[in-house]
Amino acid sequence: MKRRSNAARYWWWLLWLSLGLLQAWNHYRDKPASSSKPPQTETRFVTLANAQFVEDASNDGDSFKMAHDGSEHVLRLYFVDCPEKRQYALVKNRLKDQAAYFGGLTIPQTVSLGLEAKAFTEQLLHEQPFTIQTRWERVFDSARSYALVFFADGEELSEKLVKAGLCRIHTKGTWMPDGRREYDFESHLRALEYEAKAAHRGAWGKPK
């Protein structure tokens, strides 16, 4: 009798388990598979024409706010990193790295260079027509998106910053909308940087 009782309990337990699994399957079978990409990320570049620069306290040489089609977006350049425009605890090590990249600038010199880069970028975005290319690729988990900014002369903003000696080549790169590989465009930036060094432009002309 005890063996039959144990067997009955086993079959009842198996029946309830089967019913539970069936209900779970019915609940989830019609749900779409989740995507690993952020919902706004595009595989191809999207063109933002007629975007407008927005004055904001957080703007700097490589990151800035733009208004387009009724919305505002914070964009971050691919390929380049401009020095910080002020000192605070969270960027202490970054400022040291930036100072070392330019051959051993002081921290005050590096911050001054960051302010120059900010003014340089803002002047270009105020005075010259430009077109934004973005895939809405997020900068880590922030609200910023990586982007490229092209001017009427065909140059991208990172090229202009490198030529002026106002940034280091140091951040995420990308393949270009015209088909150039990431490596090829970065090599092109390195050549521009070499010219800026030889001409002592920007950071490369500051006394060490």
N, C-alpha and C. Protein backbone atom coordinates (compact mmCIF):
# COMPACT_ATOMS: atom_id res chain seq x y z
N MET A 1 0.84 -1.21 0.00
CA MET A 1 0.00 0.00 0.00
C MET A 1 0.87 1.26 0.00
N LYS A 2 1.96 1.23 0.76
CA LYS A 2 2.83 2.39 0.82
C LYS A 2 3.47 2.66 -0.53
N ARG A 3 3.84 1.55 -1.26
CA ARG A 3 4.48 1.71 -2.56
C ARG A 3 3.49 2.33 -3.53
N ARG A 4 2.19 1.90 -3.51
CA ARG A 4 1.17 2.46 -4.39
C ARG A 4 0.94 3.94 -4.08
N SER A 5 0.94 4.30 -2.77
CA SER A 5 0.73 5.69 -2.37
C SER A 5 1.85 6.58 -2.88
N ASN A 6 3.08 6.10 -2.80
CA ASN A 6 4.22 6.87 -3.30
C ASN A 6 4.14 7.04 -4.81
N ALA A 7 3.70 5.97 -5.51
CA ALA A 7 3.59 6.03 -6.96
C ALA A 7 2.51 7.03 -7.38
N ALA A 8 1.39 7.01 -6.63
CA ALA A 8 0.30 7.95 -6.96
C ALA A 8 0.76 9.40 -6.78
N ARG A 9 1.45 9.63 -5.67
CA ARG A 9 1.94 11.00 -5.43
C ARG A 9 2.90 11.43 -6.54
N TYR A 10 3.74 10.50 -6.99
CA TYR A 10 4.71 10.81 -8.06
C TYR A 10 3.99 11.21 -9.33
N TRP A 11 2.95 10.43 -9.70
CA TRP A 11 2.23 10.73 -10.95
C TRP A 11 1.46 12.03 -10.85
N TRP A 12 0.87 12.32 -9.67
CA TRP A 12 0.19 13.61 -9.49
C TRP A 12 1.19 14.77 -9.60
N TRP A 13 2.36 14.61 -8.99
CA TRP A 13 3.39 15.65 -9.05
C TRP A 13 3.84 15.87 -10.49
N LEU A 14 4.00 14.79 -11.25
CA LEU A 14 4.41 14.89 -12.65
C LEU A 14 3.34 15.58 -13.48
N LEU A 15 2.07 15.29 -13.18
CA LEU A 15 0.97 15.92 -13.91
C LEU A 15 0.95 17.43 -13.68
N TRP A 16 1.07 17.83 -12.41
CA TRP A 16 1.08 19.27 -12.10
C TRP A 16 2.28 19.98 -12.71
N LEU A 17 3.43 19.32 -12.72
CA LEU A 17 4.61 19.90 -13.35
C LEU A 17 4.41 20.12 -14.84
N SER A 18 3.80 19.12 -15.49
CA SER A 18 3.54 19.21 -16.94
C SER A 18 2.58 20.36 -17.24
N LEU A 19 1.52 20.49 -16.39
CA LEU A 19 0.57 21.59 -16.60
C LEU A 19 1.24 22.95 -16.43
N GLY A 20 2.13 23.04 -15.45
CA GLY A 20 2.84 24.31 -15.22
C GLY A 20 3.73 24.67 -16.39
N LEU A 21 4.45 23.67 -16.93
CA LEU A 21 5.32 23.93 -18.08
C LEU A 21 4.52 24.32 -19.31
N LEU A 22 3.35 23.71 -19.48
CA LEU A 22 2.49 24.03 -20.62
C LEU A 22 2.00 25.47 -20.54
N GLN A 23 1.61 25.91 -19.34
CA GLN A 23 1.14 27.28 -19.16
C GLN A 23 2.27 28.27 -19.44
N ALA A 24 3.47 27.95 -18.97
CA ALA A 24 4.61 28.84 -19.21
C ALA A 24 4.92 28.96 -20.69
N TRP A 25 4.84 27.82 -21.40
CA TRP A 25 5.11 27.82 -22.84
C TRP A 25 4.08 28.66 -23.59
N ASN A 26 2.82 28.53 -23.21
CA ASN A 26 1.76 29.32 -23.84
C ASN A 26 1.95 30.82 -23.59
N HIS A 27 2.51 31.15 -22.41
CA HIS A 27 2.68 32.56 -22.06
C HIS A 27 3.79 33.21 -22.88
N TYR A 28 4.87 32.47 -23.14
CA TYR A 28 6.04 33.07 -23.77
C TYR A 28 6.18 32.78 -25.26
N ARG A 29 5.43 31.86 -25.83
CA ARG A 29 5.69 31.43 -27.19
C ARG A 29 5.48 32.53 -28.23
N ASP A 30 4.57 33.48 -27.96
CA ASP A 30 4.29 34.53 -28.93
C ASP A 30 5.09 35.80 -28.70
N LYS A 31 5.95 35.83 -27.68
CA LYS A 31 6.75 37.01 -27.42
C LYS A 31 7.95 37.03 -28.35
N PRO A 32 8.26 38.21 -28.97
CA PRO A 32 9.42 38.28 -29.86
C PRO A 32 10.71 38.16 -29.08
N ALA A 33 11.73 37.65 -29.74
CA ALA A 33 13.03 37.53 -29.09
C ALA A 33 13.60 38.92 -28.84
N SER A 34 14.24 39.10 -27.69
CA SER A 34 14.81 40.41 -27.36
C SER A 34 16.04 40.66 -28.19
N SER A 35 16.29 41.94 -28.51
CA SER A 35 17.44 42.32 -29.32
C SER A 35 18.56 42.77 -28.42
N SER A 36 19.81 42.47 -28.80
CA SER A 36 20.96 42.90 -28.02
C SER A 36 21.34 44.33 -28.34
N LYS A 37 20.78 44.92 -29.40
CA LYS A 37 21.11 46.29 -29.78
C LYS A 37 20.18 47.28 -29.09
N PRO A 38 20.70 48.49 -28.77
CA PRO A 38 19.80 49.53 -28.28
C PRO A 38 18.74 49.82 -29.33
N PRO A 39 17.55 50.19 -28.95
CA PRO A 39 16.47 50.34 -29.91
C PRO A 39 16.74 51.35 -31.01
N GLN A 40 17.60 52.34 -30.76
CA GLN A 40 17.84 53.37 -31.76
C GLN A 40 19.06 53.09 -32.63
N THR A 41 19.85 52.10 -32.29
CA THR A 41 21.07 51.86 -33.04
C THR A 41 20.77 51.44 -34.47
N GLU A 42 21.48 52.08 -35.42
CA GLU A 42 21.32 51.77 -36.83
C GLU A 42 22.58 51.08 -37.34
N THR A 43 22.41 50.21 -38.33
CA THR A 43 23.59 49.57 -38.92
C THR A 43 24.24 50.49 -39.95
N ARG A 44 23.47 51.39 -40.56
CA ARG A 44 24.01 52.36 -41.51
C ARG A 44 23.91 53.76 -40.93
N PHE A 45 24.71 54.65 -41.50
CA PHE A 45 24.67 56.03 -41.04
C PHE A 45 23.39 56.72 -41.47
N VAL A 46 22.87 57.54 -40.56
CA VAL A 46 21.70 58.37 -40.81
C VAL A 46 22.18 59.81 -40.96
N THR A 47 21.68 60.51 -41.95
CA THR A 47 22.08 61.90 -42.19
C THR A 47 21.13 62.85 -41.49
N LEU A 48 21.69 63.76 -40.69
CA LEU A 48 20.91 64.81 -40.04
C LEU A 48 21.28 66.13 -40.70
N ALA A 49 20.49 66.55 -41.66
CA ALA A 49 20.74 67.83 -42.32
C ALA A 49 20.00 68.93 -41.57
N ASN A 50 20.52 70.15 -41.68
CA ASN A 50 19.90 71.32 -41.07
C ASN A 50 19.82 71.24 -39.54
N ALA A 51 20.73 70.51 -38.93
CA ALA A 51 20.79 70.49 -37.47
C ALA A 51 21.35 71.82 -36.98
N GLN A 52 21.02 72.18 -35.76
CA GLN A 52 21.46 73.45 -35.19
C GLN A 52 22.20 73.21 -33.88
N PHE A 53 23.30 73.92 -33.72
CA PHE A 53 24.09 73.84 -32.50
C PHE A 53 23.31 74.48 -31.35
N VAL A 54 23.33 73.84 -30.19
CA VAL A 54 22.61 74.34 -29.00
C VAL A 54 23.63 74.68 -27.92
N GLU A 55 23.60 75.91 -27.45
CA GLU A 55 24.48 76.30 -26.35
C GLU A 55 24.11 75.52 -25.09
N ASP A 56 25.13 74.95 -24.45
CA ASP A 56 24.89 74.16 -23.24
C ASP A 56 26.17 74.13 -22.42
N ALA A 57 26.03 74.15 -21.10
CA ALA A 57 27.19 74.18 -20.21
C ALA A 57 28.07 72.95 -20.35
N SER A 58 27.50 71.84 -20.79
CA SER A 58 28.27 70.60 -20.90
C SER A 58 29.03 70.47 -22.23
N ASN A 59 28.80 71.36 -23.16
CA ASN A 59 29.49 71.29 -24.45
C ASN A 59 31.00 71.43 -24.27
N ASP A 60 31.75 70.69 -25.09
CA ASP A 60 33.20 70.90 -25.13
C ASP A 60 33.68 70.66 -26.55
N GLY A 61 34.96 70.42 -26.74
CA GLY A 61 35.49 70.31 -28.09
C GLY A 61 35.02 69.12 -28.87
N ASP A 62 34.72 68.02 -28.20
CA ASP A 62 34.35 66.79 -28.91
C ASP A 62 32.95 66.29 -28.58
N SER A 63 32.20 67.03 -27.76
CA SER A 63 30.87 66.59 -27.35
C SER A 63 29.98 67.83 -27.22
N PHE A 64 28.79 67.77 -27.85
CA PHE A 64 27.97 68.98 -27.91
C PHE A 64 26.51 68.62 -28.17
N LYS A 65 25.64 69.56 -27.83
CA LYS A 65 24.21 69.35 -28.01
C LYS A 65 23.76 69.92 -29.36
N MET A 66 22.87 69.18 -30.04
CA MET A 66 22.33 69.59 -31.33
C MET A 66 20.81 69.48 -31.30
N ALA A 67 20.16 70.36 -32.03
CA ALA A 67 18.71 70.29 -32.21
C ALA A 67 18.43 69.88 -33.66
N HIS A 68 17.52 68.91 -33.81
CA HIS A 68 17.16 68.46 -35.17
C HIS A 68 15.74 67.91 -35.16
N ASP A 69 14.94 68.42 -36.06
CA ASP A 69 13.59 67.91 -36.27
C ASP A 69 12.77 67.89 -34.97
N GLY A 70 12.90 68.95 -34.19
CA GLY A 70 12.11 69.06 -32.97
C GLY A 70 12.67 68.35 -31.75
N SER A 71 13.82 67.70 -31.89
CA SER A 71 14.43 66.98 -30.76
C SER A 71 15.84 67.48 -30.54
N GLU A 72 16.34 67.29 -29.33
CA GLU A 72 17.71 67.64 -29.00
C GLU A 72 18.51 66.37 -28.73
N HIS A 73 19.75 66.34 -29.20
CA HIS A 73 20.62 65.18 -29.04
C HIS A 73 22.00 65.64 -28.60
N VAL A 74 22.64 64.87 -27.74
CA VAL A 74 24.02 65.13 -27.34
C VAL A 74 24.90 64.18 -28.13
N LEU A 75 25.80 64.74 -28.93
CA LEU A 75 26.63 63.95 -29.83
C LEU A 75 28.08 63.97 -29.38
N ARG A 76 28.78 62.87 -29.64
CA ARG A 76 30.20 62.72 -29.28
C ARG A 76 30.95 62.27 -30.52
N LEU A 77 32.06 62.95 -30.83
CA LEU A 77 32.82 62.62 -32.03
C LEU A 77 33.49 61.25 -31.92
N TYR A 78 33.55 60.56 -33.05
CA TYR A 78 34.41 59.39 -33.18
C TYR A 78 35.87 59.86 -33.28
N PHE A 79 36.79 58.97 -32.95
CA PHE A 79 38.23 59.07 -33.22
C PHE A 79 39.02 60.00 -32.30
N VAL A 80 38.46 61.11 -31.85
CA VAL A 80 39.29 62.10 -31.15
C VAL A 80 38.77 62.43 -29.76
N ASP A 81 39.68 62.91 -28.93
CA ASP A 81 39.36 63.28 -27.55
C ASP A 81 40.02 64.62 -27.26
N CYS A 82 39.22 65.64 -27.01
CA CYS A 82 39.73 66.96 -26.65
C CYS A 82 39.99 67.01 -25.15
N PRO A 83 40.95 67.80 -24.73
CA PRO A 83 41.21 67.91 -23.28
C PRO A 83 40.00 68.44 -22.52
N GLU A 84 39.95 68.08 -21.25
CA GLU A 84 38.87 68.56 -20.39
C GLU A 84 38.95 70.08 -20.25
N LYS A 85 37.80 70.72 -20.09
CA LYS A 85 37.77 72.18 -20.02
C LYS A 85 37.81 72.71 -18.58
N ARG A 86 37.80 71.82 -17.61
CA ARG A 86 37.94 72.23 -16.21
C ARG A 86 38.43 71.03 -15.39
N GLN A 87 38.93 71.32 -14.20
CA GLN A 87 39.43 70.27 -13.31
C GLN A 87 38.37 69.88 -12.30
N TYR A 88 38.19 68.59 -12.11
CA TYR A 88 37.40 68.07 -11.01
C TYR A 88 37.82 66.62 -10.79
N ALA A 89 37.43 66.07 -9.67
CA ALA A 89 38.00 64.79 -9.22
C ALA A 89 37.87 63.67 -10.24
N LEU A 90 36.73 63.59 -10.92
CA LEU A 90 36.49 62.46 -11.82
C LEU A 90 37.38 62.45 -13.06
N VAL A 91 37.94 63.61 -13.44
CA VAL A 91 38.76 63.66 -14.65
C VAL A 91 40.24 63.86 -14.34
N LYS A 92 40.62 63.73 -13.08
CA LYS A 92 42.00 63.96 -12.68
C LYS A 92 42.97 63.09 -13.47
N ASN A 93 42.72 61.79 -13.53
CA ASN A 93 43.61 60.88 -14.25
C ASN A 93 43.56 61.11 -15.76
N ARG A 94 42.37 61.45 -16.27
CA ARG A 94 42.24 61.70 -17.70
C ARG A 94 43.05 62.92 -18.11
N LEU A 95 43.00 63.97 -17.28
CA LEU A 95 43.80 65.16 -17.56
C LEU A 95 45.29 64.84 -17.57
N LYS A 96 45.73 63.99 -16.67
CA LYS A 96 47.15 63.58 -16.65
C LYS A 96 47.51 62.85 -17.94
N ASP A 97 46.64 61.96 -18.39
CA ASP A 97 46.89 61.23 -19.64
C ASP A 97 46.92 62.18 -20.84
N GLN A 98 46.01 63.14 -20.85
CA GLN A 98 45.96 64.11 -21.94
C GLN A 98 47.21 64.98 -21.95
N ALA A 99 47.64 65.42 -20.77
CA ALA A 99 48.85 66.24 -20.67
C ALA A 99 50.07 65.47 -21.16
N ALA A 100 50.16 64.19 -20.80
CA ALA A 100 51.29 63.37 -21.22
C ALA A 100 51.27 63.14 -22.74
N TYR A 101 50.09 62.97 -23.32
CA TYR A 101 49.97 62.74 -24.76
C TYR A 101 50.60 63.88 -25.55
N PHE A 102 50.44 65.10 -25.06
CA PHE A 102 50.95 66.27 -25.77
C PHE A 102 52.38 66.62 -25.37
N GLY A 103 53.08 65.66 -24.81
CA GLY A 103 54.51 65.86 -24.55
C GLY A 103 54.86 66.40 -23.19
N GLY A 104 53.91 66.36 -22.27
CA GLY A 104 54.21 66.79 -20.91
C GLY A 104 53.74 68.19 -20.59
N LEU A 105 52.53 68.54 -21.00
CA LEU A 105 51.96 69.82 -20.61
C LEU A 105 51.63 69.81 -19.12
N THR A 106 51.50 70.98 -18.54
CA THR A 106 51.00 71.06 -17.18
C THR A 106 49.48 70.88 -17.21
N ILE A 107 48.88 70.61 -16.06
CA ILE A 107 47.43 70.49 -15.99
C ILE A 107 46.74 71.80 -16.37
N PRO A 108 47.19 72.95 -15.86
CA PRO A 108 46.57 74.21 -16.30
C PRO A 108 46.69 74.43 -17.81
N GLN A 109 47.82 74.08 -18.41
CA GLN A 109 47.96 74.19 -19.86
C GLN A 109 46.96 73.29 -20.57
N THR A 110 46.75 72.10 -20.05
CA THR A 110 45.85 71.14 -20.67
C THR A 110 44.40 71.62 -20.59
N VAL A 111 44.02 72.17 -19.45
CA VAL A 111 42.67 72.72 -19.30
C VAL A 111 42.48 73.91 -20.24
N SER A 112 43.50 74.74 -20.35
CA SER A 112 43.44 75.88 -21.28
C SER A 112 43.25 75.39 -22.71
N LEU A 113 43.93 74.30 -23.06
CA LEU A 113 43.78 73.72 -24.39
C LEU A 113 42.35 73.20 -24.60
N GLY A 114 41.77 72.63 -23.54
CA GLY A 114 40.38 72.17 -23.64
C GLY A 114 39.42 73.31 -23.93
N LEU A 115 39.66 74.46 -23.32
CA LEU A 115 38.82 75.62 -23.57
C LEU A 115 39.01 76.13 -24.99
N GLU A 116 40.25 76.07 -25.50
CA GLU A 116 40.51 76.45 -26.89
C GLU A 116 39.75 75.53 -27.84
N ALA A 117 39.77 74.24 -27.56
CA ALA A 117 39.07 73.27 -28.41
C ALA A 117 37.57 73.52 -28.40
N LYS A 118 37.03 73.82 -27.24
CA LYS A 118 35.60 74.12 -27.12
C LYS A 118 35.24 75.34 -27.98
N ALA A 119 36.03 76.42 -27.86
CA ALA A 119 35.76 77.63 -28.63
C ALA A 119 35.92 77.37 -30.13
N PHE A 120 36.91 76.56 -30.51
CA PHE A 120 37.16 76.23 -31.91
C PHE A 120 35.96 75.50 -32.51
N THR A 121 35.46 74.48 -31.80
CA THR A 121 34.32 73.70 -32.28
C THR A 121 33.06 74.56 -32.35
N GLU A 122 32.82 75.34 -31.32
CA GLU A 122 31.61 76.17 -31.30
C GLU A 122 31.62 77.18 -32.44
N GLN A 123 32.78 77.77 -32.72
CA GLN A 123 32.86 78.75 -33.81
C GLN A 123 32.55 78.10 -35.16
N LEU A 124 33.10 76.91 -35.38
CA LEU A 124 32.83 76.20 -36.63
C LEU A 124 31.34 75.87 -36.77
N LEU A 125 30.74 75.38 -35.69
CA LEU A 125 29.34 74.96 -35.76
C LEU A 125 28.39 76.15 -35.84
N HIS A 126 28.85 77.31 -35.40
CA HIS A 126 28.04 78.53 -35.52
C HIS A 126 28.16 79.15 -36.92
N GLU A 127 29.36 79.11 -37.49
CA GLU A 127 29.64 79.91 -38.68
C GLU A 127 29.63 79.14 -39.99
N GLN A 128 29.79 77.82 -39.95
CA GLN A 128 29.88 77.06 -41.20
C GLN A 128 28.74 76.04 -41.31
N PRO A 129 28.23 75.85 -42.53
CA PRO A 129 27.21 74.80 -42.70
C PRO A 129 27.83 73.42 -42.49
N PHE A 130 27.06 72.52 -41.92
CA PHE A 130 27.58 71.18 -41.63
C PHE A 130 26.45 70.15 -41.75
N THR A 131 26.86 68.91 -41.87
CA THR A 131 25.93 67.78 -41.92
C THR A 131 26.40 66.73 -40.94
N ILE A 132 25.48 66.19 -40.16
CA ILE A 132 25.80 65.15 -39.18
C ILE A 132 25.50 63.77 -39.76
N GLN A 133 26.42 62.85 -39.52
CA GLN A 133 26.20 61.44 -39.86
C GLN A 133 26.31 60.64 -38.56
N THR A 134 25.27 59.88 -38.25
CA THR A 134 25.28 59.11 -37.00
C THR A 134 24.57 57.77 -37.19
N ARG A 135 24.96 56.81 -36.40
CA ARG A 135 24.26 55.52 -36.34
C ARG A 135 23.55 55.37 -34.98
N TRP A 136 23.52 56.45 -34.22
CA TRP A 136 22.93 56.46 -32.87
C TRP A 136 23.60 55.43 -31.95
N GLU A 137 24.87 55.19 -32.19
CA GLU A 137 25.62 54.28 -31.33
C GLU A 137 25.91 54.99 -30.01
N ARG A 138 25.48 54.38 -28.92
CA ARG A 138 25.58 55.01 -27.62
C ARG A 138 27.03 55.05 -27.12
N VAL A 139 27.37 56.12 -26.41
CA VAL A 139 28.67 56.24 -25.74
C VAL A 139 28.51 55.58 -24.38
N PHE A 140 28.98 54.34 -24.27
CA PHE A 140 28.76 53.52 -23.08
C PHE A 140 27.26 53.47 -22.79
N ASP A 141 26.84 53.76 -21.56
CA ASP A 141 25.41 53.73 -21.23
C ASP A 141 24.84 55.13 -21.05
N SER A 142 25.50 56.12 -21.63
CA SER A 142 25.05 57.49 -21.45
C SER A 142 24.00 57.86 -22.49
N ALA A 143 23.52 59.10 -22.41
CA ALA A 143 22.54 59.58 -23.38
C ALA A 143 23.21 60.10 -24.64
N ARG A 144 24.54 60.13 -24.66
CA ARG A 144 25.26 60.63 -25.83
C ARG A 144 25.35 59.56 -26.92
N SER A 145 25.43 60.03 -28.16
CA SER A 145 25.59 59.14 -29.31
C SER A 145 26.81 59.57 -30.11
N TYR A 146 27.56 58.59 -30.60
CA TYR A 146 28.70 58.90 -31.47
C TYR A 146 28.21 59.47 -32.80
N ALA A 147 29.00 60.37 -33.38
CA ALA A 147 28.60 60.98 -34.64
C ALA A 147 29.83 61.51 -35.38
N LEU A 148 29.63 61.79 -36.66
CA LEU A 148 30.60 62.47 -37.51
C LEU A 148 29.98 63.77 -37.97
N VAL A 149 30.79 64.83 -38.07
CA VAL A 149 30.28 66.13 -38.50
C VAL A 149 31.09 66.58 -39.71
N PHE A 150 30.44 66.67 -40.87
CA PHE A 150 31.10 67.05 -42.11
C PHE A 150 30.75 68.48 -42.50
N PHE A 151 31.76 69.22 -42.98
CA PHE A 151 31.57 70.60 -43.40
C PHE A 151 31.54 70.68 -44.93
N ALA A 152 31.23 71.88 -45.43
CA ALA A 152 31.06 72.06 -46.87
C ALA A 152 32.36 71.80 -47.64
N ASP A 153 33.51 71.94 -46.99
CA ASP A 153 34.79 71.68 -47.67
C ASP A 153 35.13 70.19 -47.72
N GLY A 154 34.25 69.34 -47.19
CA GLY A 154 34.46 67.90 -47.22
C GLY A 154 35.18 67.34 -46.02
N GLU A 155 35.71 68.22 -45.16
CA GLU A 155 36.43 67.75 -43.98
C GLU A 155 35.47 67.42 -42.84
N GLU A 156 35.89 66.45 -42.03
CA GLU A 156 35.14 66.07 -40.85
C GLU A 156 35.73 66.83 -39.66
N LEU A 157 34.93 67.06 -38.64
CA LEU A 157 35.37 67.87 -37.50
C LEU A 157 36.62 67.31 -36.83
N SER A 158 36.74 66.00 -36.75
CA SER A 158 37.94 65.42 -36.13
C SER A 158 39.19 65.80 -36.91
N GLU A 159 39.11 65.89 -38.24
CA GLU A 159 40.25 66.30 -39.05
C GLU A 159 40.67 67.72 -38.70
N LYS A 160 39.68 68.61 -38.57
CA LYS A 160 39.98 70.01 -38.28
C LYS A 160 40.59 70.17 -36.89
N LEU A 161 40.11 69.40 -35.92
CA LEU A 161 40.66 69.47 -34.57
C LEU A 161 42.10 68.94 -34.54
N VAL A 162 42.36 67.85 -35.25
CA VAL A 162 43.71 67.29 -35.29
C VAL A 162 44.66 68.27 -35.98
N LYS A 163 44.25 68.85 -37.09
CA LYS A 163 45.09 69.80 -37.82
C LYS A 163 45.42 71.02 -36.98
N ALA A 164 44.49 71.42 -36.10
CA ALA A 164 44.71 72.58 -35.24
C ALA A 164 45.50 72.22 -33.98
N GLY A 165 45.78 70.94 -33.76
CA GLY A 165 46.52 70.52 -32.57
C GLY A 165 45.72 70.64 -31.29
N LEU A 166 44.41 70.42 -31.38
CA LEU A 166 43.53 70.62 -30.24
C LEU A 166 42.93 69.34 -29.67
N CYS A 167 43.42 68.20 -30.08
CA CYS A 167 42.86 66.93 -29.59
C CYS A 167 43.89 65.84 -29.72
N ARG A 168 43.63 64.75 -29.05
CA ARG A 168 44.43 63.54 -29.23
C ARG A 168 43.59 62.52 -29.99
N ILE A 169 44.25 61.65 -30.71
CA ILE A 169 43.56 60.57 -31.43
C ILE A 169 43.42 59.43 -30.43
N HIS A 170 42.26 59.36 -29.82
CA HIS A 170 42.12 58.46 -28.68
C HIS A 170 40.65 58.30 -28.31
N THR A 171 39.94 57.48 -29.01
CA THR A 171 38.61 57.04 -28.60
C THR A 171 38.11 56.08 -29.66
N LYS A 172 36.88 55.70 -29.59
CA LYS A 172 36.30 54.74 -30.51
C LYS A 172 36.28 55.29 -31.94
N GLY A 173 36.66 54.45 -32.89
CA GLY A 173 36.59 54.81 -34.30
C GLY A 173 35.42 54.11 -34.98
N THR A 174 35.34 54.28 -36.29
CA THR A 174 34.26 53.66 -37.06
C THR A 174 34.63 53.60 -38.53
N TRP A 175 34.02 52.71 -39.27
CA TRP A 175 34.12 52.81 -40.73
C TRP A 175 33.38 54.08 -41.15
N MET A 176 33.79 54.65 -42.28
CA MET A 176 33.27 55.94 -42.68
C MET A 176 32.11 55.79 -43.67
N PRO A 177 31.23 56.80 -43.75
CA PRO A 177 30.09 56.71 -44.67
C PRO A 177 30.50 56.54 -46.13
N ASP A 178 31.70 57.02 -46.50
CA ASP A 178 32.15 56.86 -47.89
C ASP A 178 32.83 55.53 -48.14
N GLY A 179 32.86 54.66 -47.14
CA GLY A 179 33.40 53.32 -47.31
C GLY A 179 34.82 53.14 -46.78
N ARG A 180 35.47 54.23 -46.36
CA ARG A 180 36.82 54.08 -45.83
C ARG A 180 36.82 53.27 -44.53
N ARG A 181 37.81 52.43 -44.40
CA ARG A 181 37.91 51.61 -43.20
C ARG A 181 38.36 52.46 -42.01
N GLU A 182 38.01 52.00 -40.83
CA GLU A 182 38.40 52.70 -39.60
C GLU A 182 39.91 52.90 -39.55
N TYR A 183 40.66 51.84 -39.85
CA TYR A 183 42.12 51.91 -39.80
C TYR A 183 42.66 52.95 -40.78
N ASP A 184 42.08 53.01 -41.98
CA ASP A 184 42.56 53.96 -42.98
C ASP A 184 42.32 55.41 -42.55
N PHE A 185 41.14 55.67 -41.99
CA PHE A 185 40.86 57.05 -41.57
C PHE A 185 41.73 57.43 -40.37
N GLU A 186 41.95 56.51 -39.46
CA GLU A 186 42.82 56.81 -38.32
C GLU A 186 44.24 57.08 -38.80
N SER A 187 44.72 56.33 -39.79
CA SER A 187 46.06 56.58 -40.35
C SER A 187 46.13 57.97 -40.98
N HIS A 188 45.05 58.36 -41.63
CA HIS A 188 44.96 59.70 -42.21
C HIS A 188 45.05 60.76 -41.10
N LEU A 189 44.37 60.54 -39.98
CA LEU A 189 44.45 61.47 -38.86
C LEU A 189 45.86 61.53 -38.28
N ARG A 190 46.55 60.40 -38.24
CA ARG A 190 47.92 60.37 -37.74
C ARG A 190 48.83 61.23 -38.62
N ALA A 191 48.60 61.17 -39.93
CA ALA A 191 49.40 61.99 -40.84
C ALA A 191 49.13 63.47 -40.61
N LEU A 192 47.86 63.83 -40.38
CA LEU A 192 47.52 65.22 -40.09
C LEU A 192 48.15 65.66 -38.77
N GLU A 193 48.18 64.77 -37.80
CA GLU A 193 48.78 65.09 -36.51
C GLU A 193 50.28 65.33 -36.65
N TYR A 194 50.93 64.55 -37.49
CA TYR A 194 52.36 64.73 -37.73
C TYR A 194 52.63 66.13 -38.29
N GLU A 195 51.77 66.57 -39.22
CA GLU A 195 51.91 67.91 -39.80
C GLU A 195 51.69 68.99 -38.74
N ALA A 196 50.69 68.77 -37.87
CA ALA A 196 50.41 69.75 -36.81
C ALA A 196 51.60 69.86 -35.84
N LYS A 197 52.22 68.73 -35.53
CA LYS A 197 53.41 68.75 -34.67
C LYS A 197 54.54 69.53 -35.32
N ALA A 198 54.78 69.26 -36.60
CA ALA A 198 55.87 69.93 -37.31
C ALA A 198 55.64 71.43 -37.38
N ALA A 199 54.37 71.84 -37.46
CA ALA A 199 54.04 73.26 -37.56
C ALA A 199 53.84 73.91 -36.19
N HIS A 200 53.97 73.13 -35.12
CA HIS A 200 53.82 73.62 -33.74
C HIS A 200 52.46 74.27 -33.51
N ARG A 201 51.41 73.62 -34.01
CA ARG A 201 50.07 74.15 -33.83
C ARG A 201 49.45 73.67 -32.52
N GLY A 202 48.62 74.53 -31.93
CA GLY A 202 47.88 74.13 -30.75
C GLY A 202 48.77 73.63 -29.62
N ALA A 203 48.44 72.43 -29.14
CA ALA A 203 49.20 71.83 -28.03
C ALA A 203 50.67 71.63 -28.37
N TRP A 204 50.95 71.39 -29.63
CA TRP A 204 52.32 71.07 -30.04
C TRP A 204 53.22 72.30 -30.05
N GLY A 205 52.64 73.48 -29.89
CA GLY A 205 53.44 74.70 -29.84
C GLY A 205 53.56 75.29 -28.44
N LYS A 206 52.95 74.67 -27.47
CA LYS A 206 53.01 75.19 -26.10
C LYS A 206 54.33 74.84 -25.44
N PRO A 207 54.90 75.74 -24.65
CA PRO A 207 56.17 75.43 -23.96
C PRO A 207 55.97 74.30 -22.97
N LYS A 208 56.92 73.39 -22.90
CA LYS A 208 56.85 72.26 -22.00
C LYS A 208 57.65 72.55 -20.74
